[in-house]
């Protein structure tokens, strides 16, 4: 039986976005003056150890931007497209994402914990070792992303679609996977609680069943 795919609402973006030449200066001013960054396209920005605490972006495209070890705690992103961006080792905890697209985004070791994701699409993203603990997901589509050894503990999933994902050794400790269709995804070595309650009601294929049986101490011959 073919998995039912989740359709997410795309970002609402103007057909005539203004291009911002000094992207870093724009974000710094918005942070300093508590201004909304809206209806614009920012390309090629490079930032390291910058503080963007509580910054608000709406109707924005971020393309080929690099944010290394930056702080976006409690930021809000509405109708934002992230394309070929790098947020490695940055802090995006307790953020709000609504109608956002993450396309070929790198977020190795990025901290997203306690954030809310509504109507988001993720494609070909590198998210290994990222921390998603305590996050809430409502209508999300994730395809061909690398989330190996990421932290997905204490998450709440509602209408989340996984396709061709690398979830090897990811931690789902205390995260219910009931109703989640994991077929076609790599789940070797995922981490769950000793009681294995997280796996109750998850949809898996016969190959995954053999792999997950190891968590229960079963030997299939």
N, C-alpha and C. Protein backbone atom coordinates (compact mmCIF):
# COMPACT_ATOMS: atom_id res chain seq x y z
N UNK A 1 0.85 -1.20 0.00
CA UNK A 1 0.00 0.00 0.00
C UNK A 1 0.88 1.24 0.00
N UNK A 2 0.64 2.14 -0.93
CA UNK A 2 1.45 3.34 -1.04
C UNK A 2 1.14 4.31 0.07
N UNK A 3 2.21 4.94 0.61
CA UNK A 3 2.04 5.87 1.71
C UNK A 3 1.29 7.12 1.24
N UNK A 4 0.44 7.63 2.10
CA UNK A 4 -0.31 8.84 1.80
C UNK A 4 0.59 10.05 2.06
N UNK A 5 0.76 10.90 1.05
CA UNK A 5 1.65 12.04 1.18
C UNK A 5 0.93 13.25 1.76
N UNK A 6 1.67 14.01 2.56
CA UNK A 6 1.13 15.21 3.19
C UNK A 6 1.39 16.41 2.29
N UNK A 7 0.35 17.19 2.03
CA UNK A 7 0.51 18.42 1.26
C UNK A 7 0.60 19.59 2.23
N UNK A 8 1.64 20.39 2.08
CA UNK A 8 1.83 21.54 2.95
C UNK A 8 1.61 22.83 2.17
N UNK A 9 1.17 23.86 2.88
CA UNK A 9 0.96 25.16 2.24
C UNK A 9 2.31 25.81 1.96
N UNK A 10 2.58 26.23 0.74
CA UNK A 10 3.87 26.87 0.42
C UNK A 10 3.93 28.28 0.98
N UNK A 11 5.13 28.85 1.06
CA UNK A 11 5.25 30.24 1.51
C UNK A 11 4.50 31.18 0.57
N UNK A 12 3.87 32.18 1.12
CA UNK A 12 3.21 33.20 0.33
C UNK A 12 4.24 34.30 0.06
N UNK A 13 4.75 34.33 -1.17
CA UNK A 13 5.83 35.25 -1.52
C UNK A 13 5.41 36.16 -2.67
N UNK A 14 5.78 37.41 -2.56
CA UNK A 14 5.47 38.38 -3.61
C UNK A 14 6.24 38.05 -4.88
N UNK A 15 5.64 38.33 -6.02
CA UNK A 15 6.31 38.11 -7.30
C UNK A 15 7.35 39.19 -7.58
N UNK A 16 7.35 40.24 -6.77
CA UNK A 16 8.28 41.36 -6.98
C UNK A 16 9.03 41.68 -5.68
N UNK A 17 9.72 40.68 -5.14
CA UNK A 17 10.50 40.90 -3.92
C UNK A 17 11.66 41.85 -4.21
N UNK A 18 11.92 42.74 -3.29
CA UNK A 18 13.07 43.64 -3.45
C UNK A 18 14.35 42.92 -3.02
N UNK A 19 15.42 43.14 -3.74
CA UNK A 19 16.70 42.53 -3.41
C UNK A 19 17.45 43.42 -2.42
N UNK A 20 17.91 42.81 -1.36
CA UNK A 20 18.67 43.53 -0.33
C UNK A 20 20.15 43.28 -0.55
N UNK A 21 20.91 44.32 -0.82
CA UNK A 21 22.33 44.17 -1.11
C UNK A 21 23.15 43.94 0.16
N UNK A 22 22.86 44.67 1.21
CA UNK A 22 23.58 44.54 2.48
C UNK A 22 22.73 43.73 3.45
N UNK A 23 22.70 42.41 3.21
CA UNK A 23 21.81 41.56 3.99
C UNK A 23 22.13 41.54 5.47
N UNK A 24 23.41 41.44 5.81
CA UNK A 24 23.78 41.39 7.22
C UNK A 24 23.41 42.67 7.94
N UNK A 25 23.69 43.80 7.32
CA UNK A 25 23.34 45.09 7.92
C UNK A 25 21.83 45.21 8.11
N UNK A 26 21.07 44.67 7.16
CA UNK A 26 19.61 44.71 7.24
C UNK A 26 19.12 43.93 8.46
N UNK A 27 19.65 42.73 8.65
CA UNK A 27 19.22 41.91 9.79
C UNK A 27 19.71 42.50 11.12
N UNK A 28 20.89 43.07 11.12
CA UNK A 28 21.40 43.68 12.35
C UNK A 28 20.54 44.86 12.77
N UNK A 29 20.15 45.69 11.79
CA UNK A 29 19.30 46.83 12.11
C UNK A 29 17.92 46.38 12.59
N UNK A 30 17.38 45.35 11.93
CA UNK A 30 16.07 44.83 12.33
C UNK A 30 16.11 44.32 13.76
N UNK A 31 17.18 43.64 14.11
CA UNK A 31 17.35 43.14 15.48
C UNK A 31 17.48 44.29 16.47
N UNK A 32 18.28 45.28 16.11
CA UNK A 32 18.56 46.41 17.01
C UNK A 32 17.32 47.29 17.22
N UNK A 33 16.57 47.52 16.14
CA UNK A 33 15.41 48.42 16.20
C UNK A 33 14.08 47.69 16.37
N UNK A 34 14.16 46.39 16.50
CA UNK A 34 12.96 45.55 16.63
C UNK A 34 12.01 45.77 15.45
N UNK A 35 12.57 45.70 14.24
CA UNK A 35 11.81 45.91 13.01
C UNK A 35 11.52 44.59 12.32
N UNK A 36 10.42 44.54 11.59
CA UNK A 36 10.06 43.38 10.80
C UNK A 36 10.83 43.38 9.49
N UNK A 37 11.45 42.25 9.15
CA UNK A 37 12.09 42.09 7.85
C UNK A 37 11.06 41.44 6.93
N UNK A 38 10.66 42.13 5.87
CA UNK A 38 9.55 41.61 5.07
C UNK A 38 9.73 41.89 3.58
N UNK A 39 9.09 41.02 2.80
CA UNK A 39 8.97 41.18 1.35
C UNK A 39 10.31 41.49 0.67
N UNK A 40 11.31 40.64 0.91
CA UNK A 40 12.61 40.89 0.31
C UNK A 40 13.34 39.57 0.05
N UNK A 41 14.42 39.68 -0.74
CA UNK A 41 15.29 38.54 -1.03
C UNK A 41 16.70 38.90 -0.60
N UNK A 42 17.31 38.04 0.21
CA UNK A 42 18.67 38.26 0.68
C UNK A 42 19.54 37.12 0.18
N UNK A 43 20.59 37.45 -0.56
CA UNK A 43 21.46 36.44 -1.14
C UNK A 43 22.90 36.61 -0.64
N UNK A 44 23.57 35.46 -0.47
CA UNK A 44 25.00 35.47 -0.21
C UNK A 44 25.45 36.07 1.10
N UNK A 45 24.54 36.20 2.06
CA UNK A 45 24.91 36.76 3.36
C UNK A 45 25.82 35.79 4.11
N UNK A 46 26.83 36.33 4.80
CA UNK A 46 27.71 35.51 5.62
C UNK A 46 27.78 36.12 7.02
N UNK A 47 27.39 35.33 8.03
CA UNK A 47 27.38 35.82 9.40
C UNK A 47 27.95 34.76 10.33
N UNK A 48 28.69 35.20 11.33
CA UNK A 48 29.26 34.28 12.30
C UNK A 48 29.16 34.88 13.69
N UNK A 49 28.58 34.10 14.61
CA UNK A 49 28.42 34.52 16.00
C UNK A 49 27.63 35.83 16.13
N UNK A 50 26.66 36.00 15.25
CA UNK A 50 25.78 37.18 15.32
C UNK A 50 24.56 36.87 16.19
N UNK A 51 24.03 37.91 16.82
CA UNK A 51 22.86 37.76 17.67
C UNK A 51 21.62 38.30 16.96
N UNK A 52 20.70 37.39 16.59
CA UNK A 52 19.45 37.77 15.94
C UNK A 52 18.27 37.39 16.83
N UNK A 53 18.44 37.50 18.12
CA UNK A 53 17.42 37.14 19.11
C UNK A 53 16.08 37.83 18.82
N UNK A 54 15.02 37.01 18.74
CA UNK A 54 13.64 37.48 18.54
C UNK A 54 13.42 38.22 17.21
N UNK A 55 14.28 38.02 16.23
CA UNK A 55 14.09 38.68 14.95
C UNK A 55 12.85 38.10 14.25
N UNK A 56 12.17 38.93 13.45
CA UNK A 56 10.95 38.51 12.75
C UNK A 56 11.11 38.69 11.25
N UNK A 57 10.91 37.59 10.50
CA UNK A 57 10.97 37.62 9.04
C UNK A 57 9.63 37.17 8.48
N UNK A 58 9.15 37.89 7.47
CA UNK A 58 7.87 37.53 6.84
C UNK A 58 7.92 37.82 5.34
N UNK A 59 7.62 36.79 4.54
CA UNK A 59 7.63 36.96 3.09
C UNK A 59 9.03 37.18 2.56
N UNK A 60 9.99 36.37 3.04
CA UNK A 60 11.41 36.58 2.73
C UNK A 60 12.02 35.33 2.10
N UNK A 61 12.94 35.53 1.15
CA UNK A 61 13.74 34.44 0.60
C UNK A 61 15.18 34.64 1.05
N UNK A 62 15.74 33.63 1.71
CA UNK A 62 17.15 33.63 2.08
C UNK A 62 17.84 32.60 1.20
N UNK A 63 18.77 33.06 0.37
CA UNK A 63 19.40 32.17 -0.60
C UNK A 63 20.92 32.25 -0.51
N UNK A 64 21.55 31.08 -0.43
CA UNK A 64 23.01 31.00 -0.35
C UNK A 64 23.56 31.81 0.82
N UNK A 65 22.86 31.77 1.93
CA UNK A 65 23.29 32.50 3.13
C UNK A 65 23.93 31.55 4.13
N UNK A 66 24.92 32.05 4.86
CA UNK A 66 25.62 31.25 5.86
C UNK A 66 25.53 31.92 7.22
N UNK A 67 25.03 31.15 8.20
CA UNK A 67 24.92 31.63 9.57
C UNK A 67 25.60 30.61 10.47
N UNK A 68 26.83 30.89 10.86
CA UNK A 68 27.58 29.94 11.69
C UNK A 68 27.61 30.41 13.14
N UNK A 69 27.18 29.54 14.03
CA UNK A 69 27.19 29.84 15.47
C UNK A 69 26.40 31.12 15.78
N UNK A 70 25.30 31.34 15.06
CA UNK A 70 24.47 32.51 15.29
C UNK A 70 23.31 32.19 16.22
N UNK A 71 22.76 33.22 16.85
CA UNK A 71 21.66 33.05 17.79
C UNK A 71 20.36 33.61 17.21
N UNK A 72 19.39 32.71 16.96
CA UNK A 72 18.06 33.10 16.49
C UNK A 72 16.99 32.72 17.52
N UNK A 73 17.36 32.63 18.78
CA UNK A 73 16.40 32.21 19.80
C UNK A 73 15.13 33.05 19.76
N UNK A 74 13.98 32.38 19.82
CA UNK A 74 12.65 32.99 19.84
C UNK A 74 12.34 33.81 18.58
N UNK A 75 13.02 33.51 17.47
CA UNK A 75 12.74 34.22 16.22
C UNK A 75 11.45 33.70 15.59
N UNK A 76 10.88 34.50 14.69
CA UNK A 76 9.65 34.12 13.99
C UNK A 76 9.89 34.18 12.49
N UNK A 77 9.51 33.08 11.80
CA UNK A 77 9.67 33.00 10.35
C UNK A 77 8.32 32.62 9.74
N UNK A 78 7.71 33.54 9.02
CA UNK A 78 6.42 33.30 8.38
C UNK A 78 6.58 33.54 6.88
N UNK A 79 6.16 32.56 6.07
CA UNK A 79 6.29 32.66 4.61
C UNK A 79 7.74 32.94 4.21
N UNK A 80 8.63 32.06 4.67
CA UNK A 80 10.06 32.21 4.39
C UNK A 80 10.58 30.99 3.64
N UNK A 81 11.37 31.23 2.62
CA UNK A 81 12.03 30.14 1.90
C UNK A 81 13.53 30.22 2.17
N UNK A 82 14.07 29.12 2.71
CA UNK A 82 15.50 28.99 2.94
C UNK A 82 16.06 28.11 1.82
N UNK A 83 16.96 28.64 1.03
CA UNK A 83 17.48 27.89 -0.12
C UNK A 83 19.01 27.90 -0.10
N UNK A 84 19.59 26.69 -0.04
CA UNK A 84 21.05 26.55 -0.02
C UNK A 84 21.70 27.38 1.09
N UNK A 85 21.08 27.36 2.25
CA UNK A 85 21.61 28.11 3.40
C UNK A 85 22.30 27.16 4.38
N UNK A 86 23.17 27.72 5.21
CA UNK A 86 23.91 26.94 6.20
C UNK A 86 23.70 27.56 7.59
N UNK A 87 23.07 26.78 8.48
CA UNK A 87 22.83 27.22 9.85
C UNK A 87 23.60 26.36 10.85
N UNK A 88 24.67 25.75 10.41
CA UNK A 88 25.39 24.79 11.25
C UNK A 88 25.80 25.39 12.59
N UNK A 89 25.48 24.62 13.65
CA UNK A 89 25.84 24.99 15.02
C UNK A 89 25.25 26.31 15.48
N UNK A 90 24.18 26.75 14.84
CA UNK A 90 23.48 27.94 15.29
C UNK A 90 22.34 27.56 16.22
N UNK A 91 21.81 28.55 16.92
CA UNK A 91 20.72 28.34 17.87
C UNK A 91 19.43 28.89 17.28
N UNK A 92 18.45 28.01 17.07
CA UNK A 92 17.13 28.40 16.62
C UNK A 92 16.08 27.79 17.54
N UNK A 93 16.33 27.84 18.83
CA UNK A 93 15.41 27.22 19.77
C UNK A 93 14.24 28.16 20.10
N UNK A 94 13.11 27.53 20.39
CA UNK A 94 11.87 28.24 20.73
C UNK A 94 11.47 29.21 19.63
N UNK A 95 11.68 28.80 18.36
CA UNK A 95 11.30 29.63 17.21
C UNK A 95 9.94 29.21 16.66
N UNK A 96 9.36 30.09 15.85
CA UNK A 96 8.08 29.83 15.21
C UNK A 96 8.28 29.84 13.70
N UNK A 97 7.94 28.72 13.06
CA UNK A 97 8.05 28.59 11.61
C UNK A 97 6.67 28.27 11.04
N UNK A 98 6.18 29.11 10.14
CA UNK A 98 4.87 28.88 9.54
C UNK A 98 4.95 29.11 8.03
N UNK A 99 4.53 28.13 7.25
CA UNK A 99 4.62 28.15 5.79
C UNK A 99 6.06 28.46 5.36
N UNK A 100 6.97 27.59 5.74
CA UNK A 100 8.38 27.76 5.40
C UNK A 100 8.88 26.56 4.59
N UNK A 101 9.84 26.83 3.70
CA UNK A 101 10.48 25.78 2.92
C UNK A 101 11.97 25.78 3.21
N UNK A 102 12.51 24.58 3.44
CA UNK A 102 13.94 24.40 3.66
C UNK A 102 14.46 23.55 2.50
N UNK A 103 15.16 24.18 1.57
CA UNK A 103 15.61 23.50 0.36
C UNK A 103 17.14 23.44 0.35
N UNK A 104 17.68 22.23 0.44
CA UNK A 104 19.14 22.04 0.45
C UNK A 104 19.80 22.87 1.55
N UNK A 105 19.19 22.85 2.71
CA UNK A 105 19.71 23.60 3.86
C UNK A 105 20.62 22.71 4.69
N UNK A 106 21.72 23.28 5.18
CA UNK A 106 22.63 22.56 6.06
C UNK A 106 22.43 23.05 7.48
N UNK A 107 22.19 22.09 8.38
CA UNK A 107 21.98 22.44 9.78
C UNK A 107 22.63 21.43 10.69
N UNK A 108 23.89 21.12 10.44
CA UNK A 108 24.61 20.14 11.25
C UNK A 108 24.83 20.70 12.65
N UNK A 109 24.32 19.98 13.64
CA UNK A 109 24.49 20.41 15.02
C UNK A 109 23.67 21.62 15.41
N UNK A 110 22.71 22.00 14.59
CA UNK A 110 21.87 23.17 14.88
C UNK A 110 20.87 22.84 15.98
N UNK A 111 20.60 23.81 16.84
CA UNK A 111 19.70 23.62 17.98
C UNK A 111 18.33 24.23 17.67
N UNK A 112 17.34 23.36 17.40
CA UNK A 112 15.97 23.80 17.11
C UNK A 112 15.03 23.50 18.29
N UNK A 113 15.54 23.10 19.43
CA UNK A 113 14.66 22.55 20.46
C UNK A 113 13.56 23.53 20.91
N UNK A 114 12.39 22.95 21.20
CA UNK A 114 11.19 23.66 21.64
C UNK A 114 10.58 24.56 20.56
N UNK A 115 10.99 24.42 19.30
CA UNK A 115 10.41 25.24 18.23
C UNK A 115 9.11 24.63 17.70
N UNK A 116 8.32 25.46 17.03
CA UNK A 116 7.06 25.02 16.44
C UNK A 116 7.17 25.13 14.93
N UNK A 117 6.87 24.01 14.24
CA UNK A 117 6.91 23.97 12.78
C UNK A 117 5.50 23.71 12.25
N UNK A 118 4.94 24.68 11.54
CA UNK A 118 3.60 24.53 10.95
C UNK A 118 3.71 24.73 9.44
N UNK A 119 3.17 23.76 8.69
CA UNK A 119 3.16 23.85 7.22
C UNK A 119 4.59 24.08 6.70
N UNK A 120 5.47 23.13 6.95
CA UNK A 120 6.86 23.26 6.51
C UNK A 120 7.23 22.12 5.57
N UNK A 121 8.12 22.43 4.62
CA UNK A 121 8.63 21.43 3.68
C UNK A 121 10.15 21.44 3.71
N UNK A 122 10.72 20.23 3.82
CA UNK A 122 12.17 20.07 3.91
C UNK A 122 12.62 19.12 2.80
N UNK A 123 13.57 19.56 1.98
CA UNK A 123 14.08 18.70 0.90
C UNK A 123 15.60 18.73 0.86
N UNK A 124 16.21 17.55 0.87
CA UNK A 124 17.65 17.37 0.71
C UNK A 124 18.44 18.25 1.69
N UNK A 125 18.04 18.22 2.93
CA UNK A 125 18.73 18.99 3.97
C UNK A 125 19.68 18.10 4.76
N UNK A 126 20.79 18.68 5.21
CA UNK A 126 21.75 17.97 6.04
C UNK A 126 21.59 18.38 7.49
N UNK A 127 20.94 17.52 8.29
CA UNK A 127 20.57 17.88 9.65
C UNK A 127 21.11 16.89 10.68
N UNK A 128 22.23 16.26 10.36
CA UNK A 128 22.79 15.31 11.31
C UNK A 128 23.21 16.02 12.60
N UNK A 129 23.00 15.35 13.71
CA UNK A 129 23.36 15.86 15.04
C UNK A 129 22.55 17.09 15.46
N UNK A 130 21.52 17.44 14.70
CA UNK A 130 20.70 18.59 15.08
C UNK A 130 19.80 18.22 16.25
N UNK A 131 19.46 19.22 17.05
CA UNK A 131 18.62 18.99 18.23
C UNK A 131 17.21 19.51 17.98
N UNK A 132 16.26 18.59 17.81
CA UNK A 132 14.85 18.92 17.63
C UNK A 132 14.03 18.54 18.86
N UNK A 133 14.67 18.30 19.98
CA UNK A 133 13.97 17.84 21.18
C UNK A 133 12.88 18.84 21.59
N UNK A 134 11.71 18.31 21.93
CA UNK A 134 10.63 19.14 22.40
C UNK A 134 9.94 19.97 21.34
N UNK A 135 10.23 19.71 20.06
CA UNK A 135 9.60 20.48 18.99
C UNK A 135 8.20 19.95 18.69
N UNK A 136 7.37 20.81 18.11
CA UNK A 136 6.02 20.43 17.67
C UNK A 136 5.93 20.61 16.16
N UNK A 137 5.37 19.60 15.50
CA UNK A 137 5.27 19.59 14.05
C UNK A 137 3.80 19.43 13.65
N UNK A 138 3.30 20.37 12.86
CA UNK A 138 1.92 20.30 12.37
C UNK A 138 1.92 20.48 10.86
N UNK A 139 1.68 19.40 10.14
CA UNK A 139 1.70 19.40 8.67
C UNK A 139 3.10 19.70 8.16
N UNK A 140 3.88 18.64 8.02
CA UNK A 140 5.26 18.80 7.55
C UNK A 140 5.59 17.68 6.58
N UNK A 141 6.37 18.02 5.56
CA UNK A 141 6.84 17.05 4.57
C UNK A 141 8.36 17.10 4.54
N UNK A 142 9.00 15.94 4.82
CA UNK A 142 10.46 15.86 4.82
C UNK A 142 10.89 14.81 3.81
N UNK A 143 11.78 15.19 2.89
CA UNK A 143 12.19 14.29 1.82
C UNK A 143 13.69 14.33 1.62
N UNK A 144 14.30 13.13 1.58
CA UNK A 144 15.73 12.97 1.26
C UNK A 144 16.63 13.82 2.14
N UNK A 145 16.31 13.90 3.41
CA UNK A 145 17.14 14.65 4.36
C UNK A 145 17.99 13.70 5.20
N UNK A 146 19.15 14.17 5.60
CA UNK A 146 20.03 13.40 6.46
C UNK A 146 19.84 13.87 7.90
N UNK A 147 19.17 13.04 8.71
CA UNK A 147 18.95 13.37 10.12
C UNK A 147 19.57 12.31 11.02
N UNK A 148 20.64 11.69 10.54
CA UNK A 148 21.25 10.66 11.37
C UNK A 148 21.84 11.26 12.64
N UNK A 149 21.64 10.53 13.72
CA UNK A 149 22.11 10.92 15.05
C UNK A 149 21.56 12.27 15.50
N UNK A 150 20.40 12.64 14.97
CA UNK A 150 19.73 13.85 15.44
C UNK A 150 18.89 13.51 16.67
N UNK A 151 18.47 14.55 17.39
CA UNK A 151 17.70 14.36 18.62
C UNK A 151 16.26 14.78 18.38
N UNK A 152 15.36 13.82 18.44
CA UNK A 152 13.94 14.05 18.23
C UNK A 152 13.15 13.57 19.44
N UNK A 153 13.71 13.78 20.62
CA UNK A 153 13.07 13.33 21.85
C UNK A 153 11.95 14.28 22.26
N UNK A 154 10.90 13.71 22.85
CA UNK A 154 9.78 14.48 23.39
C UNK A 154 9.13 15.39 22.35
N UNK A 155 9.08 14.93 21.10
CA UNK A 155 8.44 15.70 20.03
C UNK A 155 6.96 15.31 19.90
N UNK A 156 6.20 16.22 19.31
CA UNK A 156 4.80 15.92 18.99
C UNK A 156 4.62 16.10 17.48
N UNK A 157 4.21 15.00 16.83
CA UNK A 157 4.02 15.01 15.38
C UNK A 157 2.55 14.92 15.03
N UNK A 158 2.11 15.80 14.14
CA UNK A 158 0.74 15.75 13.62
C UNK A 158 0.79 15.98 12.12
N UNK A 159 0.44 14.97 11.36
CA UNK A 159 0.47 15.02 9.89
C UNK A 159 1.89 15.31 9.39
N UNK A 160 2.79 14.39 9.68
CA UNK A 160 4.18 14.52 9.24
C UNK A 160 4.51 13.38 8.29
N UNK A 161 5.13 13.72 7.17
CA UNK A 161 5.42 12.77 6.10
C UNK A 161 6.93 12.64 5.93
N UNK A 162 7.45 11.40 6.06
CA UNK A 162 8.88 11.14 5.90
C UNK A 162 9.09 10.38 4.59
N UNK A 163 10.01 10.84 3.75
CA UNK A 163 10.30 10.16 2.48
C UNK A 163 11.81 10.08 2.27
N UNK A 164 12.31 8.85 2.10
CA UNK A 164 13.73 8.62 1.79
C UNK A 164 14.65 9.34 2.77
N UNK A 165 14.32 9.25 4.06
CA UNK A 165 15.08 9.94 5.09
C UNK A 165 16.15 9.04 5.70
N UNK A 166 17.27 9.64 6.08
CA UNK A 166 18.28 8.93 6.83
C UNK A 166 18.07 9.26 8.31
N UNK A 167 17.48 8.30 9.03
CA UNK A 167 17.19 8.47 10.45
C UNK A 167 18.06 7.55 11.31
N UNK A 168 19.16 7.11 10.77
CA UNK A 168 20.02 6.18 11.49
C UNK A 168 20.49 6.77 12.81
N UNK A 169 20.30 6.00 13.87
CA UNK A 169 20.75 6.34 15.22
C UNK A 169 20.14 7.64 15.74
N UNK A 170 19.02 8.07 15.15
CA UNK A 170 18.31 9.23 15.67
C UNK A 170 17.59 8.85 16.95
N UNK A 171 17.47 9.79 17.87
CA UNK A 171 16.81 9.52 19.14
C UNK A 171 15.35 9.98 19.10
N UNK A 172 14.42 9.03 19.30
CA UNK A 172 12.99 9.33 19.38
C UNK A 172 12.50 9.07 20.80
N UNK A 173 13.36 9.24 21.77
CA UNK A 173 13.04 8.96 23.16
C UNK A 173 11.80 9.75 23.59
N UNK A 174 10.77 9.03 24.04
CA UNK A 174 9.51 9.60 24.51
C UNK A 174 8.76 10.37 23.42
N UNK A 175 8.99 10.03 22.16
CA UNK A 175 8.25 10.62 21.04
C UNK A 175 7.38 9.53 20.41
N UNK A 176 6.08 9.70 20.45
CA UNK A 176 5.19 8.70 19.89
C UNK A 176 5.24 8.72 18.36
N UNK A 177 5.44 7.54 17.78
CA UNK A 177 5.46 7.39 16.32
C UNK A 177 4.16 6.74 15.82
N UNK A 178 3.15 6.76 16.64
CA UNK A 178 1.87 6.16 16.28
C UNK A 178 1.31 6.82 15.02
N UNK A 179 0.99 5.99 14.02
CA UNK A 179 0.43 6.48 12.78
C UNK A 179 1.46 7.02 11.80
N UNK A 180 2.72 7.07 12.21
CA UNK A 180 3.77 7.56 11.33
C UNK A 180 4.18 6.47 10.35
N UNK A 181 4.25 6.82 9.07
CA UNK A 181 4.64 5.86 8.04
C UNK A 181 6.14 5.98 7.81
N UNK A 182 6.89 5.03 8.30
CA UNK A 182 8.35 5.06 8.21
C UNK A 182 8.88 4.24 7.05
N UNK A 183 8.02 3.66 6.25
CA UNK A 183 8.47 2.82 5.14
C UNK A 183 9.32 3.61 4.15
N UNK A 184 10.41 2.97 3.72
CA UNK A 184 11.29 3.62 2.76
C UNK A 184 12.30 4.56 3.37
N UNK A 185 12.36 4.60 4.71
CA UNK A 185 13.33 5.43 5.40
C UNK A 185 14.35 4.55 6.13
N UNK A 186 15.54 5.07 6.33
CA UNK A 186 16.58 4.31 7.03
C UNK A 186 16.43 4.53 8.54
N UNK A 187 16.15 3.45 9.26
CA UNK A 187 15.87 3.57 10.70
C UNK A 187 16.81 2.72 11.56
N UNK A 188 17.91 2.26 10.97
CA UNK A 188 18.82 1.41 11.73
C UNK A 188 19.36 2.14 12.96
N UNK A 189 19.27 1.46 14.09
CA UNK A 189 19.87 1.97 15.31
C UNK A 189 19.15 3.13 15.97
N UNK A 190 17.88 3.38 15.61
CA UNK A 190 17.17 4.48 16.27
C UNK A 190 17.06 4.21 17.76
N UNK A 191 16.99 5.28 18.53
CA UNK A 191 16.99 5.17 19.99
C UNK A 191 15.60 5.45 20.53
N UNK A 192 15.10 4.51 21.33
CA UNK A 192 13.81 4.66 22.00
C UNK A 192 13.98 4.26 23.46
N UNK A 193 12.92 4.37 24.24
CA UNK A 193 12.99 4.03 25.65
C UNK A 193 13.08 2.52 25.84
N UNK A 194 13.37 2.10 27.02
CA UNK A 194 13.49 0.68 27.32
C UNK A 194 12.18 -0.06 27.07
N UNK A 195 11.05 0.62 27.28
CA UNK A 195 9.75 -0.02 27.09
C UNK A 195 9.34 -0.08 25.62
N UNK A 196 10.00 0.66 24.76
CA UNK A 196 9.74 0.70 23.30
C UNK A 196 8.35 1.22 22.96
N UNK A 197 7.74 1.98 23.86
CA UNK A 197 6.38 2.46 23.62
C UNK A 197 6.30 3.42 22.42
N UNK A 198 7.41 4.05 22.10
CA UNK A 198 7.44 5.00 20.99
C UNK A 198 7.05 4.34 19.67
N UNK A 199 7.32 3.04 19.54
CA UNK A 199 7.10 2.34 18.28
C UNK A 199 5.68 1.82 18.10
N UNK A 200 4.88 1.89 19.14
CA UNK A 200 3.52 1.37 19.05
C UNK A 200 2.71 2.15 18.00
N UNK A 201 2.16 1.44 17.02
CA UNK A 201 1.33 2.06 15.99
C UNK A 201 2.09 2.63 14.81
N UNK A 202 3.43 2.54 14.81
CA UNK A 202 4.21 3.02 13.65
C UNK A 202 4.04 2.06 12.48
N UNK A 203 4.02 2.60 11.26
CA UNK A 203 3.88 1.78 10.06
C UNK A 203 5.28 1.54 9.48
N UNK A 204 5.66 0.26 9.36
CA UNK A 204 7.00 -0.08 8.87
C UNK A 204 6.89 -1.19 7.83
N UNK A 205 7.99 -1.41 7.10
CA UNK A 205 7.99 -2.51 6.13
C UNK A 205 8.70 -3.72 6.73
N UNK A 206 8.71 -4.82 6.00
CA UNK A 206 9.24 -6.07 6.53
C UNK A 206 10.74 -5.98 6.83
N UNK A 207 11.47 -5.20 6.04
CA UNK A 207 12.91 -5.05 6.27
C UNK A 207 13.17 -4.24 7.55
N UNK A 208 12.38 -3.21 7.75
CA UNK A 208 12.52 -2.42 8.97
C UNK A 208 12.11 -3.22 10.19
N UNK A 209 11.11 -4.10 10.02
CA UNK A 209 10.67 -4.94 11.14
C UNK A 209 11.82 -5.80 11.65
N UNK A 210 12.60 -6.34 10.71
CA UNK A 210 13.74 -7.17 11.10
C UNK A 210 14.77 -6.34 11.85
N UNK A 211 14.97 -5.11 11.41
CA UNK A 211 15.95 -4.24 12.06
C UNK A 211 15.47 -3.80 13.45
N UNK A 212 14.19 -3.41 13.54
CA UNK A 212 13.67 -2.92 14.80
C UNK A 212 13.48 -4.04 15.82
N UNK A 213 13.40 -5.28 15.32
CA UNK A 213 13.29 -6.42 16.24
C UNK A 213 14.52 -6.52 17.13
N UNK A 214 15.64 -6.01 16.64
CA UNK A 214 16.87 -6.04 17.44
C UNK A 214 16.73 -5.21 18.72
N UNK A 215 15.90 -4.16 18.65
CA UNK A 215 15.70 -3.33 19.84
C UNK A 215 15.00 -4.09 20.94
N UNK A 216 14.26 -5.12 20.53
CA UNK A 216 13.51 -5.92 21.49
C UNK A 216 14.24 -7.21 21.85
N UNK A 217 15.48 -7.33 21.38
CA UNK A 217 16.26 -8.51 21.71
C UNK A 217 15.90 -9.74 20.92
N UNK A 218 15.15 -9.55 19.83
CA UNK A 218 14.74 -10.70 19.03
C UNK A 218 15.80 -11.01 17.96
N UNK A 219 15.96 -12.27 17.66
CA UNK A 219 16.87 -12.72 16.61
C UNK A 219 16.05 -13.39 15.54
N UNK A 220 16.04 -12.81 14.34
CA UNK A 220 15.26 -13.38 13.21
C UNK A 220 16.19 -14.15 12.30
N UNK A 221 15.86 -15.41 12.07
CA UNK A 221 16.70 -16.26 11.20
C UNK A 221 15.91 -16.70 9.98
